[in-house]
């Protein structure tokens, strides 16, 4: 690595000037951490939005099923009333 007294690490001139000869893949750890944090944040945001959509979809389904049940019960009462009148 670098010497703690040096302000900057030594540069690999041959690796920089001839990248096809450089077989080592160097990754900037700070950039990869930032990218990983950003991806995790996006995943968390998507999961939160998905949970919100699921809750809304469940509420819609409940309201529709309740409406159908009320309509069926109303129809049964109407038919029963007509049959009693005859």
PDB file of N, CA and C in Angstrom:
ATOM      1  N   UNK A   1       0.834  -1.173   0.000  1.00  0.00           N
ATOM      2  CA  UNK A   1       0.000   0.000   0.000  1.00  0.00           C
ATOM      3  C   UNK A   1       0.879   1.237   0.000  1.00  0.00           C
ATOM      4  N   UNK A   2       0.446   2.239   0.698  1.00  0.00           N
ATOM      5  CA  UNK A   2       1.208   3.486   0.729  1.00  0.00           C
ATOM      6  C   UNK A   2       1.776   3.711   2.120  1.00  0.00           C
ATOM      7  N   UNK A   3       2.757   4.552   2.162  1.00  0.00           N
ATOM      8  CA  UNK A   3       3.391   4.922   3.419  1.00  0.00           C
ATOM      9  C   UNK A   3       2.508   5.973   4.099  1.00  0.00           C
ATOM     10  N   UNK A   4       2.266   5.868   5.411  1.00  0.00           N
ATOM     11  CA  UNK A   4       1.386   6.841   6.070  1.00  0.00           C
ATOM     12  C   UNK A   4       1.901   8.272   6.012  1.00  0.00           C
ATOM     13  N   UNK A   5       3.199   8.444   5.785  1.00  0.00           N
ATOM     14  CA  UNK A   5       3.741   9.799   5.722  1.00  0.00           C
ATOM     15  C   UNK A   5       3.566  10.420   4.341  1.00  0.00           C
ATOM     16  N   UNK A   6       3.306   9.594   3.317  1.00  0.00           N
ATOM     17  CA  UNK A   6       3.101  10.117   1.964  1.00  0.00           C
ATOM     18  C   UNK A   6       1.673  10.640   1.830  1.00  0.00           C
ATOM     19  N   UNK A   7       1.501  11.787   1.190  1.00  0.00           N
ATOM     20  CA  UNK A   7       0.146  12.333   1.050  1.00  0.00           C
ATOM     21  C   UNK A   7      -0.709  11.546   0.052  1.00  0.00           C
ATOM     22  N   UNK A   8      -0.090  10.968  -0.970  1.00  0.00           N
ATOM     23  CA  UNK A   8      -0.827  10.217  -1.980  1.00  0.00           C
ATOM     24  C   UNK A   8      -0.143   8.878  -2.216  1.00  0.00           C
ATOM     25  N   UNK A   9      -0.903   7.847  -2.584  1.00  0.00           N
ATOM     26  CA  UNK A   9      -0.257   6.571  -2.903  1.00  0.00           C
ATOM     27  C   UNK A   9       0.501   6.684  -4.227  1.00  0.00           C
ATOM     28  N   UNK A  10       1.494   5.810  -4.390  1.00  0.00           N
ATOM     29  CA  UNK A  10       2.280   5.825  -5.620  1.00  0.00           C
ATOM     30  C   UNK A  10       1.399   5.376  -6.781  1.00  0.00           C
ATOM     31  N   UNK A  11       1.645   5.937  -7.932  1.00  0.00           N
ATOM     32  CA  UNK A  11       0.859   5.669  -9.123  1.00  0.00           C
ATOM     33  C   UNK A  11       1.520   4.574  -9.941  1.00  0.00           C
ATOM     34  N   UNK A  12       0.722   3.656 -10.454  1.00  0.00           N
ATOM     35  CA  UNK A  12       1.217   2.613 -11.342  1.00  0.00           C
ATOM     36  C   UNK A  12       1.195   3.172 -12.764  1.00  0.00           C
ATOM     37  N   UNK A  13       2.330   3.719 -13.199  1.00  0.00           N
ATOM     38  CA  UNK A  13       2.397   4.407 -14.488  1.00  0.00           C
ATOM     39  C   UNK A  13       2.171   3.432 -15.631  1.00  0.00           C
ATOM     40  N   UNK A  14       2.810   2.281 -15.595  1.00  0.00           N
ATOM     41  CA  UNK A  14       2.664   1.310 -16.685  1.00  0.00           C
ATOM     42  C   UNK A  14       1.217   0.810 -16.792  1.00  0.00           C
ATOM     43  N   UNK A  15       0.594   0.603 -15.655  1.00  0.00           N
ATOM     44  CA  UNK A  15      -0.799   0.156 -15.671  1.00  0.00           C
ATOM     45  C   UNK A  15      -1.737   1.216 -16.209  1.00  0.00           C
ATOM     46  N   UNK A  16      -1.426   2.479 -15.939  1.00  0.00           N
ATOM     47  CA  UNK A  16      -2.265   3.578 -16.423  1.00  0.00           C
ATOM     48  C   UNK A  16      -2.052   3.833 -17.912  1.00  0.00           C
ATOM     49  N   UNK A  17      -0.800   3.753 -18.360  1.00  0.00           N
ATOM     50  CA  UNK A  17      -0.507   4.043 -19.765  1.00  0.00           C
ATOM     51  C   UNK A  17      -0.848   2.880 -20.687  1.00  0.00           C
ATOM     52  N   UNK A  18      -0.787   1.659 -20.168  1.00  0.00           N
ATOM     53  CA  UNK A  18      -1.064   0.472 -20.984  1.00  0.00           C
ATOM     54  C   UNK A  18      -2.104  -0.394 -20.264  1.00  0.00           C
ATOM     55  N   UNK A  19      -3.372  -0.011 -20.338  1.00  0.00           N
ATOM     56  CA  UNK A  19      -4.390  -0.761 -19.585  1.00  0.00           C
ATOM     57  C   UNK A  19      -4.587  -2.191 -20.085  1.00  0.00           C
ATOM     58  N   UNK A  20      -4.245  -2.463 -21.353  1.00  0.00           N
ATOM     59  CA  UNK A  20      -4.405  -3.830 -21.862  1.00  0.00           C
ATOM     60  C   UNK A  20      -3.417  -4.792 -21.215  1.00  0.00           C
ATOM     61  N   UNK A  21      -2.291  -4.293 -20.720  1.00  0.00           N
ATOM     62  CA  UNK A  21      -1.301  -5.128 -20.045  1.00  0.00           C
ATOM     63  C   UNK A  21      -1.623  -5.299 -18.565  1.00  0.00           C
ATOM     64  N   UNK A  22      -2.432  -4.430 -18.032  1.00  0.00           N
ATOM     65  CA  UNK A  22      -2.782  -4.490 -16.617  1.00  0.00           C
ATOM     66  C   UNK A  22      -3.883  -5.536 -16.427  1.00  0.00           C
ATOM     67  N   UNK A  23      -3.553  -6.624 -15.797  1.00  0.00           N
ATOM     68  CA  UNK A  23      -4.507  -7.723 -15.601  1.00  0.00           C
ATOM     69  C   UNK A  23      -5.257  -7.619 -14.276  1.00  0.00           C
ATOM     70  N   UNK A  24      -4.821  -6.727 -13.406  1.00  0.00           N
ATOM     71  CA  UNK A  24      -5.480  -6.565 -12.107  1.00  0.00           C
ATOM     72  C   UNK A  24      -6.636  -5.581 -12.242  1.00  0.00           C
ATOM     73  N   UNK A  25      -7.770  -5.972 -11.733  1.00  0.00           N
ATOM     74  CA  UNK A  25      -8.929  -5.093 -11.741  1.00  0.00           C
ATOM     75  C   UNK A  25      -8.956  -4.335 -10.424  1.00  0.00           C
ATOM     76  N   UNK A  26      -8.842  -3.042 -10.516  1.00  0.00           N
ATOM     77  CA  UNK A  26      -8.866  -2.245  -9.294  1.00  0.00           C
ATOM     78  C   UNK A  26     -10.228  -1.565  -9.187  1.00  0.00           C
ATOM     79  N   UNK A  27     -10.834  -1.701  -8.032  1.00  0.00           N
ATOM     80  CA  UNK A  27     -12.155  -1.135  -7.783  1.00  0.00           C
ATOM     81  C   UNK A  27     -12.014  -0.073  -6.712  1.00  0.00           C
ATOM     82  N   UNK A  28     -12.649   1.045  -6.953  1.00  0.00           N
ATOM     83  CA  UNK A  28     -12.648   2.120  -5.971  1.00  0.00           C
ATOM     84  C   UNK A  28     -13.629   1.729  -4.863  1.00  0.00           C
ATOM     85  N   UNK A  29     -13.153   1.470  -3.637  1.00  0.00           N
ATOM     86  CA  UNK A  29     -14.052   0.990  -2.584  1.00  0.00           C
ATOM     87  C   UNK A  29     -15.109   2.012  -2.183  1.00  0.00           C
ATOM     88  N   UNK A  30     -14.794   3.277  -2.267  1.00  0.00           N
ATOM     89  CA  UNK A  30     -15.765   4.304  -1.871  1.00  0.00           C
ATOM     90  C   UNK A  30     -16.905   4.355  -2.881  1.00  0.00           C
ATOM     91  N   UNK A  31     -16.563   4.304  -4.169  1.00  0.00           N
ATOM     92  CA  UNK A  31     -17.604   4.335  -5.202  1.00  0.00           C
ATOM     93  C   UNK A  31     -18.505   3.115  -5.115  1.00  0.00           C
ATOM     94  N   UNK A  32     -17.904   1.950  -4.859  1.00  0.00           N
ATOM     95  CA  UNK A  32     -18.727   0.745  -4.769  1.00  0.00           C
ATOM     96  C   UNK A  32     -19.638   0.795  -3.544  1.00  0.00           C
ATOM     97  N   UNK A  33     -19.172   1.387  -2.449  1.00  0.00           N
ATOM     98  CA  UNK A  33     -20.021   1.529  -1.262  1.00  0.00           C
ATOM     99  C   UNK A  33     -21.174   2.489  -1.526  1.00  0.00           C
ATOM    100  N   UNK A  34     -20.876   3.580  -2.215  1.00  0.00           N
ATOM    101  CA  UNK A  34     -21.926   4.552  -2.546  1.00  0.00           C
ATOM    102  C   UNK A  34     -22.967   3.901  -3.447  1.00  0.00           C
ATOM    103  N   UNK A  35     -22.507   3.147  -4.443  1.00  0.00           N
ATOM    104  CA  UNK A  35     -23.434   2.474  -5.353  1.00  0.00           C
ATOM    105  C   UNK A  35     -24.268   1.439  -4.607  1.00  0.00           C
ATOM    106  N   UNK A  36     -23.646   0.695  -3.704  1.00  0.00           N
ATOM    107  CA  UNK A  36     -24.378  -0.312  -2.936  1.00  0.00           C
ATOM    108  C   UNK A  36     -25.420   0.342  -2.034  1.00  0.00           C
ATOM    109  N   UNK A  37     -25.052   1.440  -1.390  1.00  0.00           N
ATOM    110  CA  UNK A  37     -26.012   2.159  -0.539  1.00  0.00           C
ATOM    111  C   UNK A  37     -27.177   2.694  -1.361  1.00  0.00           C
ATOM    112  N   UNK A  38     -26.874   3.197  -2.539  1.00  0.00           N
ATOM    113  CA  UNK A  38     -27.925   3.730  -3.413  1.00  0.00           C
ATOM    114  C   UNK A  38     -28.870   2.611  -3.845  1.00  0.00           C
ATOM    115  N   UNK A  39     -28.323   1.454  -4.208  1.00  0.00           N
ATOM    116  CA  UNK A  39     -29.156   0.319  -4.608  1.00  0.00           C
ATOM    117  C   UNK A  39     -30.034  -0.144  -3.448  1.00  0.00           C
ATOM    118  N   UNK A  40     -29.481  -0.201  -2.250  1.00  0.00           N
ATOM    119  CA  UNK A  40     -30.268  -0.611  -1.087  1.00  0.00           C
ATOM    120  C   UNK A  40     -31.382   0.383  -0.808  1.00  0.00           C
ATOM    121  N   UNK A  41     -31.096   1.664  -0.966  1.00  0.00           N
ATOM    122  CA  UNK A  41     -32.113   2.691  -0.770  1.00  0.00           C
ATOM    123  C   UNK A  41     -33.236   2.566  -1.787  1.00  0.00           C
ATOM    124  N   UNK A  42     -32.867   2.297  -3.040  1.00  0.00           N
ATOM    125  CA  UNK A  42     -33.877   2.125  -4.082  1.00  0.00           C
ATOM    126  C   UNK A  42     -34.727   0.891  -3.810  1.00  0.00           C
ATOM    127  N   UNK A  43     -34.085  -0.199  -3.381  1.00  0.00           N
ATOM    128  CA  UNK A  43     -34.845  -1.420  -3.067  1.00  0.00           C
ATOM    129  C   UNK A  43     -35.813  -1.184  -1.918  1.00  0.00           C
ATOM    130  N   UNK A  44     -35.363  -0.472  -0.898  1.00  0.00           N
ATOM    131  CA  UNK A  44     -36.234  -0.185   0.246  1.00  0.00           C
ATOM    132  C   UNK A  44     -37.411   0.685  -0.183  1.00  0.00           C
ATOM    133  N   UNK A  45     -37.144   1.663  -1.029  1.00  0.00           N
ATOM    134  CA  UNK A  45     -38.215   2.540  -1.520  1.00  0.00           C
ATOM    135  C   UNK A  45     -39.221   1.745  -2.345  1.00  0.00           C
ATOM    136  N   UNK A  46     -38.725   0.861  -3.220  1.00  0.00           N
ATOM    137  CA  UNK A  46     -39.619   0.036  -4.033  1.00  0.00           C
ATOM    138  C   UNK A  46     -40.448  -0.899  -3.158  1.00  0.00           C
ATOM    139  N   UNK A  47     -39.830  -1.466  -2.137  1.00  0.00           N
ATOM    140  CA  UNK A  47     -40.563  -2.366  -1.243  1.00  0.00           C
ATOM    141  C   UNK A  47     -41.661  -1.614  -0.502  1.00  0.00           C
ATOM    142  N   UNK A  48     -41.367  -0.393  -0.074  1.00  0.00           N
ATOM    143  CA  UNK A  48     -42.366   0.419   0.626  1.00  0.00           C
ATOM    144  C   UNK A  48     -43.527   0.755  -0.310  1.00  0.00           C
ATOM    145  N   UNK A  49     -43.213   1.122  -1.557  1.00  0.00           N
ATOM    146  CA  UNK A  49     -44.263   1.435  -2.530  1.00  0.00           C
ATOM    147  C   UNK A  49     -45.097   0.197  -2.843  1.00  0.00           C
ATOM    148  N   UNK A  50     -44.440  -0.958  -2.953  1.00  0.00           N
ATOM    149  CA  UNK A  50     -45.146  -2.210  -3.236  1.00  0.00           C
ATOM    150  C   UNK A  50     -46.089  -2.557  -2.090  1.00  0.00           C
ATOM    151  N   UNK A  51     -45.642  -2.359  -0.858  1.00  0.00           N
ATOM    152  CA  UNK A  51     -46.492  -2.637   0.303  1.00  0.00           C
ATOM    153  C   UNK A  51     -47.692  -1.700   0.324  1.00  0.00           C
ATOM    154  N   UNK A  52     -47.468  -0.448  -0.038  1.00  0.00           N
ATOM    155  CA  UNK A  52     -48.571   0.521  -0.079  1.00  0.00           C
ATOM    156  C   UNK A  52     -49.584   0.123  -1.151  1.00  0.00           C
ATOM    157  N   UNK A  53     -49.098  -0.283  -2.324  1.00  0.00           N
ATOM    158  CA  UNK A  53     -50.003  -0.716  -3.400  1.00  0.00           C
ATOM    159  C   UNK A  53     -50.779  -1.953  -2.982  1.00  0.00           C
ATOM    160  N   UNK A  54     -50.113  -2.895  -2.299  1.00  0.00           N
ATOM    161  CA  UNK A  54     -50.791  -4.103  -1.835  1.00  0.00           C
ATOM    162  C   UNK A  54     -51.896  -3.760  -0.855  1.00  0.00           C
ATOM    163  N   UNK A  55     -51.643  -2.819   0.039  1.00  0.00           N
ATOM    164  CA  UNK A  55     -52.655  -2.415   1.017  1.00  0.00           C
ATOM    165  C   UNK A  55     -53.847  -1.768   0.315  1.00  0.00           C
ATOM    166  N   UNK A  56     -53.585  -0.920  -0.659  1.00  0.00           N
ATOM    167  CA  UNK A  56     -54.669  -0.271  -1.403  1.00  0.00           C
ATOM    168  C   UNK A  56     -55.454  -1.309  -2.194  1.00  0.00           C
ATOM    169  N   UNK A  57     -54.753  -2.255  -2.810  1.00  0.00           N
ATOM    170  CA  UNK A  57     -55.428  -3.299  -3.580  1.00  0.00           C
ATOM    171  C   UNK A  57     -56.303  -4.151  -2.671  1.00  0.00           C
ATOM    172  N   UNK A  58     -55.842  -4.468  -1.482  1.00  0.00           N
ATOM    173  CA  UNK A  58     -56.633  -5.243  -0.529  1.00  0.00           C
ATOM    174  C   UNK A  58     -57.880  -4.472  -0.121  1.00  0.00           C
ATOM    175  N   UNK A  59     -57.743  -3.185   0.113  1.00  0.00           N
ATOM    176  CA  UNK A  59     -58.889  -2.352   0.477  1.00  0.00           C
ATOM    177  C   UNK A  59     -59.908  -2.305  -0.659  1.00  0.00           C
ATOM    178  N   UNK A  60     -59.435  -2.141  -1.892  1.00  0.00           N
ATOM    179  CA  UNK A  60     -60.343  -2.129  -3.044  1.00  0.00           C
ATOM    180  C   UNK A  60     -61.098  -3.448  -3.153  1.00  0.00           C
ATOM    181  N   UNK A  61     -60.393  -4.550  -3.007  1.00  0.00           N
ATOM    182  CA  UNK A  61     -61.024  -5.863  -3.099  1.00  0.00           C
ATOM    183  C   UNK A  61     -62.071  -6.031  -2.008  1.00  0.00           C
ATOM    184  N   UNK A  62     -61.764  -5.600  -0.805  1.00  0.00           N
ATOM    185  CA  UNK A  62     -62.709  -5.703   0.308  1.00  0.00           C
ATOM    186  C   UNK A  62     -63.966  -4.891   0.033  1.00  0.00           C
ATOM    187  N   UNK A  63     -63.811  -3.693  -0.480  1.00  0.00           N
ATOM    188  CA  UNK A  63     -64.965  -2.840  -0.779  1.00  0.00           C
ATOM    189  C   UNK A  63     -65.820  -3.459  -1.881  1.00  0.00           C
ATOM    190  N   UNK A  64     -65.198  -3.988  -2.921  1.00  0.00           N
ATOM    191  CA  UNK A  64     -65.951  -4.602  -4.020  1.00  0.00           C
ATOM    192  C   UNK A  64     -66.714  -5.825  -3.537  1.00  0.00           C
ATOM    193  N   UNK A  65     -66.061  -6.693  -2.772  1.00  0.00           N
ATOM    194  CA  UNK A  65     -66.728  -7.897  -2.263  1.00  0.00           C
ATOM    195  C   UNK A  65     -67.872  -7.513  -1.338  1.00  0.00           C
ATOM    196  N   UNK A  66     -67.675  -6.514  -0.497  1.00  0.00           N
ATOM    197  CA  UNK A  66     -68.746  -6.062   0.397  1.00  0.00           C
ATOM    198  C   UNK A  66     -69.922  -5.512  -0.403  1.00  0.00           C
ATOM    199  N   UNK A  67     -69.651  -4.756  -1.442  1.00  0.00           N
ATOM    200  CA  UNK A  67     -70.712  -4.219  -2.292  1.00  0.00           C
ATOM    201  C   UNK A  67     -71.505  -5.315  -2.967  1.00  0.00           C
ATOM    202  N   UNK A  68     -70.823  -6.332  -3.459  1.00  0.00           N
ATOM    203  CA  UNK A  68     -71.511  -7.459  -4.094  1.00  0.00           C
ATOM    204  C   UNK A  68     -72.362  -8.196  -3.073  1.00  0.00           C
ATOM    205  N   UNK A  69     -71.833  -8.414  -1.878  1.00  0.00           N
ATOM    206  CA  UNK A  69     -72.596  -9.110  -0.835  1.00  0.00           C
ATOM    207  C   UNK A  69     -73.848  -8.318  -0.469  1.00  0.00           C
ATOM    208  N   UNK A  70     -73.741  -7.005  -0.346  1.00  0.00           N
ATOM    209  CA  UNK A  70     -74.906  -6.171  -0.021  1.00  0.00           C
ATOM    210  C   UNK A  70     -75.930  -6.236  -1.145  1.00  0.00           C
ATOM    211  N   UNK A  71     -75.469  -6.227  -2.400  1.00  0.00           N
ATOM    212  CA  UNK A  71     -76.389  -6.311  -3.537  1.00  0.00           C
ATOM    213  C   UNK A  71     -77.127  -7.645  -3.546  1.00  0.00           C
ATOM    214  N   UNK A  72     -76.424  -8.731  -3.269  1.00  0.00           N
ATOM    215  CA  UNK A  72     -77.059 -10.060  -3.241  1.00  0.00           C
ATOM    216  C   UNK A  72     -78.069 -10.136  -2.102  1.00  0.00           C
ATOM    217  N   UNK A  73     -77.712  -9.642  -0.942  1.00  0.00           N
ATOM    218  CA  UNK A  73     -78.642  -9.662   0.202  1.00  0.00           C
ATOM    219  C   UNK A  73     -79.870  -8.807  -0.103  1.00  0.00           C
ATOM    220  N   UNK A  74     -79.670  -7.650  -0.717  1.00  0.00           N
ATOM    221  CA  UNK A  74     -80.800  -6.798  -1.104  1.00  0.00           C
ATOM    222  C   UNK A  74     -81.707  -7.489  -2.096  1.00  0.00           C
ATOM    223  N   UNK A  75     -81.122  -8.197  -3.064  1.00  0.00           N
ATOM    224  CA  UNK A  75     -81.928  -8.931  -4.044  1.00  0.00           C
ATOM    225  C   UNK A  75     -82.717 -10.041  -3.365  1.00  0.00           C
ATOM    226  N   UNK A  76     -82.113 -10.732  -2.414  1.00  0.00           N
ATOM    227  CA  UNK A  76     -82.816 -11.803  -1.694  1.00  0.00           C
ATOM    228  C   UNK A  76     -83.991 -11.223  -0.919  1.00  0.00           C
ATOM    229  N   UNK A  77     -83.796 -10.092  -0.237  1.00  0.00           N
ATOM    230  CA  UNK A  77     -84.903  -9.464   0.497  1.00  0.00           C
ATOM    231  C   UNK A  77     -86.016  -9.031  -0.459  1.00  0.00           C
ATOM    232  N   UNK A  78     -85.653  -8.483  -1.607  1.00  0.00           N
ATOM    233  CA  UNK A  78     -86.667  -8.042  -2.576  1.00  0.00           C
ATOM    234  C   UNK A  78     -87.459  -9.226  -3.107  1.00  0.00           C
ATOM    235  N   UNK A  79     -86.782 -10.314  -3.421  1.00  0.00           N
ATOM    236  CA  UNK A  79     -87.472 -11.512  -3.922  1.00  0.00           C
ATOM    237  C   UNK A  79     -88.368 -12.087  -2.839  1.00  0.00           C
ATOM    238  N   UNK A  80     -87.888 -12.133  -1.607  1.00  0.00           N
ATOM    239  CA  UNK A  80     -88.688 -12.654  -0.493  1.00  0.00           C
ATOM    240  C   UNK A  80     -89.931 -11.793  -0.287  1.00  0.00           C
ATOM    241  N   UNK A  81     -89.798 -10.493  -0.379  1.00  0.00           N
ATOM    242  CA  UNK A  81     -90.933  -9.581  -0.214  1.00  0.00           C
ATOM    243  C   UNK A  81     -91.964  -9.802  -1.316  1.00  0.00           C
ATOM    244  N   UNK A  82     -91.509  -9.974  -2.561  1.00  0.00           N
ATOM    245  CA  UNK A  82     -92.424 -10.221  -3.679  1.00  0.00           C
ATOM    246  C   UNK A  82     -93.157 -11.545  -3.491  1.00  0.00           C
ATOM    247  N   UNK A  83     -92.440 -12.565  -3.018  1.00  0.00           N
ATOM    248  CA  UNK A  83     -93.071 -13.873  -2.825  1.00  0.00           C
ATOM    249  C   UNK A  83     -94.106 -13.820  -1.701  1.00  0.00           C
ATOM    250  N   UNK A  84     -93.850 -13.031  -0.651  1.00  0.00           N
ATOM    251  CA  UNK A  84     -94.806 -12.908   0.450  1.00  0.00           C
ATOM    252  C   UNK A  84     -96.061 -12.164   0.003  1.00  0.00           C
ATOM    253  N   UNK A  85     -95.926 -11.219  -0.929  1.00  0.00           N
ATOM    254  CA  UNK A  85     -97.074 -10.453  -1.398  1.00  0.00           C
ATOM    255  C   UNK A  85     -98.009 -11.322  -2.231  1.00  0.00           C
ATOM    256  N   UNK A  86     -97.531 -12.315  -2.902  1.00  0.00           N
ATOM    257  CA  UNK A  86     -98.370 -13.171  -3.740  1.00  0.00           C
ATOM    258  C   UNK A  86     -99.080 -14.144  -2.901  1.00  0.00           C
TER     259      UNK A  86
END
